[in-house]
Amino acid sequence: MPRTLIASQLPFSPEPPSGRVYEGTRLVRSTDVRPDGRFRFDALARALQDVATDDVIGTGWRAPYAWLLRRCTVTVHEYPRYGDELRLRTFCSATGPRWAQRTTTVAGPDGPQQQSVAIWAAVDLNTGAPAPLGDDFFRWYGEATQGRKASARLSLPKPGPAAAGAARDWPLRAADFDTAGHVNNAIAWAAAEDVLADLDWLPALAEVEYHRPMLPGCRPRLLVQAGDHGNGDHGNVDREVFAWLTDGEERLATARLYSPVPR
């Protein structure tokens, strides 16, 4: 199958000159791809979560709190394909008072292909309240940050009237729930894949923000709306689409799919 390259290549962040960088591997299997062989974003989300977990396990440190994903941005130079052996290199790239930023670069046979930047919030295991990262966290991960600070603020817009008018049900399945009792982070990316299935282009940048956990009893609806850049019909404008998962009036997750025109 042909490689899927993105003409508009947004920059990747470099690895730190010192500090912990963990590497894991993953084979792209048939359960990870669309019919054309392209590695799906929900499969990438699972791979990112797995390598992050393996990184922490590798330190031998047991965090006294849980992690909740606030947002994840993926920059794409090339889409992995079925059968590719991937190398995922991950490190802590910045911190805040009660959250940490993790950067992960996904490399395939010809070099780096995708890079994710994710903000994970630390929350108390019993109360769910924000928790400080603590000295043990910085003992393992502080050096790689080089003192950089990250914001956990969410910035993607709310759906407009046009999106609300085109909403459709997006039912949850029993298999979507994980050990935390809520829907796994990858499921919001599965909704983004549903949106991509109706487009004739692939994003160079894809991001998801998580507003509220999707719990049993949620009845999500999927809303989609083109961004201000237009839909790219004439080939001379940036392409952008927003998507939302909502439960009644509450936003559960917001996604942005974006591909700039080369300039």
Protein backbone atom coordinates (compact mmCIF):
# COMPACT_ATOMS: atom_id res chain seq x y z
CA MET A 1 0.00 0.00 0.00
CA PRO A 2 1.33 3.52 -0.75
CA ARG A 3 2.65 5.73 2.04
CA THR A 4 0.37 8.56 3.22
CA LEU A 5 2.49 11.72 3.38
CA ILE A 6 1.31 15.17 4.49
CA ALA A 7 2.58 18.06 2.33
CA SER A 8 2.21 20.68 5.07
CA GLN A 9 4.69 19.46 7.65
CA LEU A 10 4.32 21.33 10.93
CA PRO A 11 7.44 21.14 13.13
CA PHE A 12 8.16 18.43 15.69
CA SER A 13 9.69 19.28 19.08
CA PRO A 14 13.20 17.89 19.72
CA GLU A 15 14.07 15.51 22.52
CA PRO A 16 15.67 17.02 25.64
CA PRO A 17 19.48 17.08 25.83
CA SER A 18 19.29 15.19 29.13
CA GLY A 19 16.72 13.49 31.33
CA ARG A 20 14.55 10.42 30.98
CA VAL A 21 13.41 9.43 27.48
CA TYR A 22 11.65 6.07 27.26
CA GLU A 23 11.31 4.02 24.07
CA GLY A 24 8.70 1.38 23.29
CA THR A 25 7.71 -0.47 20.13
CA ARG A 26 4.43 -1.40 18.51
CA LEU A 27 3.51 -3.35 15.40
CA VAL A 28 0.63 -1.85 13.39
CA ARG A 29 -1.85 -4.71 13.14
CA SER A 30 -5.09 -5.18 11.23
CA THR A 31 -7.11 -4.09 14.29
CA ASP A 32 -5.32 -0.69 14.24
CA VAL A 33 -6.09 0.42 10.67
CA ARG A 34 -8.86 1.52 8.36
CA PRO A 35 -9.66 -0.61 5.29
CA ASP A 36 -7.05 1.33 3.27
CA GLY A 37 -4.34 0.37 5.79
CA ARG A 38 -3.98 3.79 7.48
CA PHE A 39 -3.17 3.75 11.21
CA ARG A 40 -6.23 5.15 13.01
CA PHE A 41 -6.11 7.92 15.61
CA ASP A 42 -7.90 5.79 18.23
CA ALA A 43 -5.24 3.10 17.78
CA LEU A 44 -2.56 5.77 18.16
CA ALA A 45 -4.24 6.96 21.38
CA ARG A 46 -4.05 3.45 22.83
CA ALA A 47 -0.40 3.14 21.81
CA LEU A 48 0.41 6.48 23.46
CA GLN A 49 -1.30 5.47 26.69
CA ASP A 50 0.47 2.09 26.70
CA VAL A 51 3.96 3.53 26.22
CA ALA A 52 3.31 6.14 28.92
CA THR A 53 2.22 3.40 31.33
CA ASP A 54 5.26 1.30 30.44
CA ASP A 55 7.49 4.31 31.05
CA VAL A 56 6.18 4.76 34.60
CA ILE A 57 6.34 1.02 35.31
CA GLY A 58 9.94 1.05 34.14
CA THR A 59 10.90 3.54 36.85
CA GLY A 60 9.55 1.34 39.62
CA TRP A 61 7.76 4.39 41.03
CA ARG A 62 4.11 4.08 42.05
CA ALA A 63 2.32 7.39 41.68
CA PRO A 64 0.11 8.25 44.69
CA TYR A 65 -2.53 9.67 42.35
CA ALA A 66 -4.33 8.90 39.11
CA TRP A 67 -3.95 10.68 35.78
CA LEU A 68 -6.75 12.26 33.74
CA LEU A 69 -6.11 13.35 30.18
CA ARG A 70 -7.00 17.02 29.58
CA ARG A 71 -5.97 17.39 25.96
CA CYS A 72 -3.87 15.73 23.27
CA THR A 73 -2.51 17.28 20.07
CA VAL A 74 -1.06 15.13 17.27
CA THR A 75 1.12 16.57 14.52
CA VAL A 76 1.41 14.39 11.43
CA HIS A 77 4.13 14.19 8.79
CA GLU A 78 3.17 10.72 7.61
CA TYR A 79 0.54 8.15 8.57
CA PRO A 80 1.82 4.73 9.64
CA ARG A 81 0.54 1.78 7.63
CA TYR A 82 -0.51 -1.78 8.30
CA GLY A 83 2.53 -3.92 9.09
CA ASP A 84 4.81 -1.04 10.14
CA GLU A 85 7.06 -1.54 13.17
CA LEU A 86 6.81 1.67 15.17
CA ARG A 87 9.19 3.15 17.73
CA LEU A 88 7.58 5.44 20.29
CA ARG A 89 9.94 7.72 22.24
CA THR A 90 8.31 9.59 25.10
CA PHE A 91 9.39 12.12 27.72
CA CYS A 92 7.97 14.71 30.11
CA SER A 93 8.30 18.00 28.25
CA ALA A 94 6.77 20.48 30.75
CA THR A 95 4.83 20.67 34.01
CA GLY A 96 2.29 22.75 35.89
CA PRO A 97 1.35 22.76 39.58
CA ARG A 98 -0.87 19.66 39.24
CA TRP A 99 -0.34 18.43 35.72
CA ALA A 100 2.39 17.27 33.37
CA GLN A 101 2.95 17.46 29.64
CA ARG A 102 4.12 14.33 27.82
CA THR A 103 5.59 14.45 24.31
CA THR A 104 5.78 11.24 22.27
CA THR A 105 7.32 10.84 18.82
CA VAL A 106 6.21 7.93 16.66
CA ALA A 107 8.80 6.76 14.12
CA GLY A 108 8.27 4.27 11.33
CA PRO A 109 10.54 2.63 8.74
CA ASP A 110 11.64 5.99 7.26
CA GLY A 111 11.91 8.05 10.44
CA PRO A 112 9.59 10.20 12.60
CA GLN A 113 5.99 10.23 11.40
CA GLN A 114 3.78 11.63 14.17
CA GLN A 115 4.25 13.51 17.42
CA SER A 116 1.75 13.91 20.24
CA VAL A 117 1.77 16.48 23.04
CA ALA A 118 -0.60 15.57 25.88
CA ILE A 119 -1.53 17.24 29.15
CA TRP A 120 -2.27 14.82 32.00
CA ALA A 121 -3.74 16.11 35.27
CA ALA A 122 -2.88 14.41 38.56
CA VAL A 123 -5.98 13.71 40.70
CA ASP A 124 -6.42 12.24 44.17
CA LEU A 125 -7.32 8.54 44.06
CA ASN A 126 -10.11 8.91 46.62
CA THR A 127 -11.60 12.35 46.02
CA GLY A 128 -10.72 13.09 42.38
CA ALA A 129 -9.42 16.51 43.44
CA PRO A 130 -6.30 17.93 41.73
CA ALA A 131 -3.11 16.66 43.38
CA PRO A 132 0.43 18.13 43.45
CA LEU A 133 2.99 16.17 41.44
CA GLY A 134 5.39 15.76 44.36
CA ASP A 135 9.16 15.34 44.70
CA ASP A 136 9.22 11.73 43.48
CA PHE A 137 7.71 12.74 40.16
CA PHE A 138 10.37 15.38 39.59
CA ARG A 139 13.11 12.98 40.64
CA TRP A 140 12.29 10.86 37.59
CA TYR A 141 10.89 13.38 35.13
CA GLY A 142 11.96 16.87 36.14
CA GLU A 143 15.29 16.99 34.30
CA ALA A 144 13.77 16.30 30.90
CA THR A 145 11.42 19.29 31.21
CA GLN A 146 14.37 21.73 31.25
CA GLY A 147 12.21 23.89 33.53
CA ARG A 148 9.46 24.39 30.95
CA LYS A 149 5.93 25.16 32.17
CA ALA A 150 2.67 24.06 30.53
CA SER A 151 -0.90 25.30 30.75
CA ALA A 152 -3.83 22.93 31.25
CA ARG A 153 -6.36 25.44 29.91
CA LEU A 154 -8.80 24.21 27.27
CA SER A 155 -9.35 26.53 24.30
CA LEU A 156 -11.33 24.80 21.53
CA PRO A 157 -14.69 26.47 20.78
CA LYS A 158 -18.21 25.41 21.67
CA PRO A 159 -20.49 24.11 18.90
CA GLY A 160 -22.45 26.69 16.95
CA PRO A 161 -26.08 26.51 15.80
CA ALA A 162 -25.14 24.86 12.50
CA ALA A 163 -23.44 22.00 14.33
CA ALA A 164 -26.35 21.50 16.71
CA GLY A 165 -28.73 21.23 13.78
CA ALA A 166 -26.76 18.33 12.31
CA ALA A 167 -26.23 16.36 15.55
CA ARG A 168 -26.58 12.59 15.56
CA ASP A 169 -26.54 9.97 18.28
CA TRP A 170 -23.16 8.37 19.00
CA PRO A 171 -24.01 5.48 21.37
CA LEU A 172 -21.46 4.07 23.80
CA ARG A 173 -20.74 0.34 24.07
CA ALA A 174 -19.84 -1.79 27.09
CA ALA A 175 -16.39 -2.31 25.57
CA ASP A 176 -15.72 1.45 25.66
CA PHE A 177 -15.39 1.55 29.47
CA ASP A 178 -12.09 0.94 31.25
CA THR A 179 -10.98 0.13 34.80
CA ALA A 180 -11.53 3.74 35.91
CA GLY A 181 -15.27 3.26 35.31
CA HIS A 182 -15.47 5.79 32.50
CA VAL A 183 -14.98 5.74 28.75
CA ASN A 184 -11.37 5.30 27.63
CA ASN A 185 -9.63 8.32 26.10
CA ALA A 186 -9.29 6.56 22.76
CA ILE A 187 -13.07 6.61 22.23
CA ALA A 188 -13.14 10.36 21.53
CA TRP A 189 -10.55 9.70 18.82
CA ALA A 190 -12.83 6.99 17.40
CA ALA A 191 -15.47 9.70 16.99
CA ALA A 192 -12.89 11.82 15.14
CA GLU A 193 -12.31 8.84 12.83
CA ASP A 194 -16.05 8.81 12.06
CA VAL A 195 -15.71 12.46 11.00
CA LEU A 196 -12.63 11.73 8.89
CA ALA A 197 -14.51 9.00 7.04
CA ASP A 198 -16.69 11.72 5.45
CA LEU A 199 -13.75 13.96 4.41
CA ASP A 200 -11.58 13.81 1.30
CA TRP A 201 -8.46 14.95 3.16
CA LEU A 202 -6.37 13.96 6.18
CA PRO A 203 -5.24 16.36 8.90
CA ALA A 204 -1.69 17.53 9.52
CA LEU A 205 -2.84 18.47 13.03
CA ALA A 206 -5.49 16.74 15.13
CA GLU A 207 -6.38 17.58 18.71
CA VAL A 208 -8.91 16.47 21.30
CA GLU A 209 -9.85 18.23 24.53
CA TYR A 210 -11.63 16.33 27.31
CA HIS A 211 -14.17 18.35 29.27
CA ARG A 212 -15.96 15.70 31.36
CA PRO A 213 -15.64 11.95 31.84
CA MET A 214 -18.07 9.86 29.82
CA LEU A 215 -19.78 7.77 32.50
CA PRO A 216 -22.37 4.99 32.38
CA GLY A 217 -25.71 6.51 31.45
CA CYS A 218 -24.20 9.13 29.10
CA ARG A 219 -26.00 9.47 25.80
CA PRO A 220 -23.43 11.21 23.57
CA ARG A 221 -24.34 13.02 20.40
CA LEU A 222 -21.81 13.84 17.69
CA LEU A 223 -21.81 17.34 16.19
CA VAL A 224 -19.64 18.44 13.26
CA GLN A 225 -18.96 21.85 11.76
CA ALA A 226 -16.44 23.27 9.29
CA GLY A 227 -14.02 25.87 10.64
CA ASP A 228 -13.64 29.44 9.44
CA HIS A 229 -10.99 28.43 6.89
CA GLY A 230 -13.56 26.78 4.63
CA ASN A 231 -13.68 23.23 3.34
CA GLY A 232 -10.85 23.31 0.82
CA ASP A 233 -13.08 22.85 -2.26
CA HIS A 234 -10.94 25.24 -4.30
CA GLY A 235 -7.62 23.87 -3.05
CA ASN A 236 -6.34 27.27 -1.91
CA VAL A 237 -7.57 27.54 1.69
CA ASP A 238 -6.67 25.80 4.91
CA ARG A 239 -9.00 22.95 5.78
CA GLU A 240 -10.48 22.70 9.27
CA VAL A 241 -13.30 20.76 10.90
CA PHE A 242 -14.49 20.75 14.50
CA ALA A 243 -16.38 17.90 16.16
CA TRP A 244 -18.02 17.62 19.57
CA LEU A 245 -19.36 14.85 21.74
CA THR A 246 -22.10 16.24 23.97
CA ASP A 247 -24.48 14.88 26.59
CA GLY A 248 -27.47 17.18 26.69
CA GLU A 249 -26.07 20.70 27.11
CA GLU A 250 -22.72 19.43 28.46
CA ARG A 251 -19.61 19.12 26.33
CA LEU A 252 -17.80 15.81 26.81
CA ALA A 253 -15.00 16.24 24.26
CA THR A 254 -14.03 18.60 21.44
CA ALA A 255 -11.90 17.68 18.43
CA ARG A 256 -10.19 19.83 15.81
CA LEU A 257 -8.90 18.44 12.50
CA TYR A 258 -6.72 20.85 10.55
CA SER A 259 -4.58 20.82 7.43
CA PRO A 260 -2.84 24.05 6.34
CA VAL A 261 -2.16 24.73 2.67
CA PRO A 262 1.60 24.84 1.92
CA ARG A 263 2.82 28.42 1.60
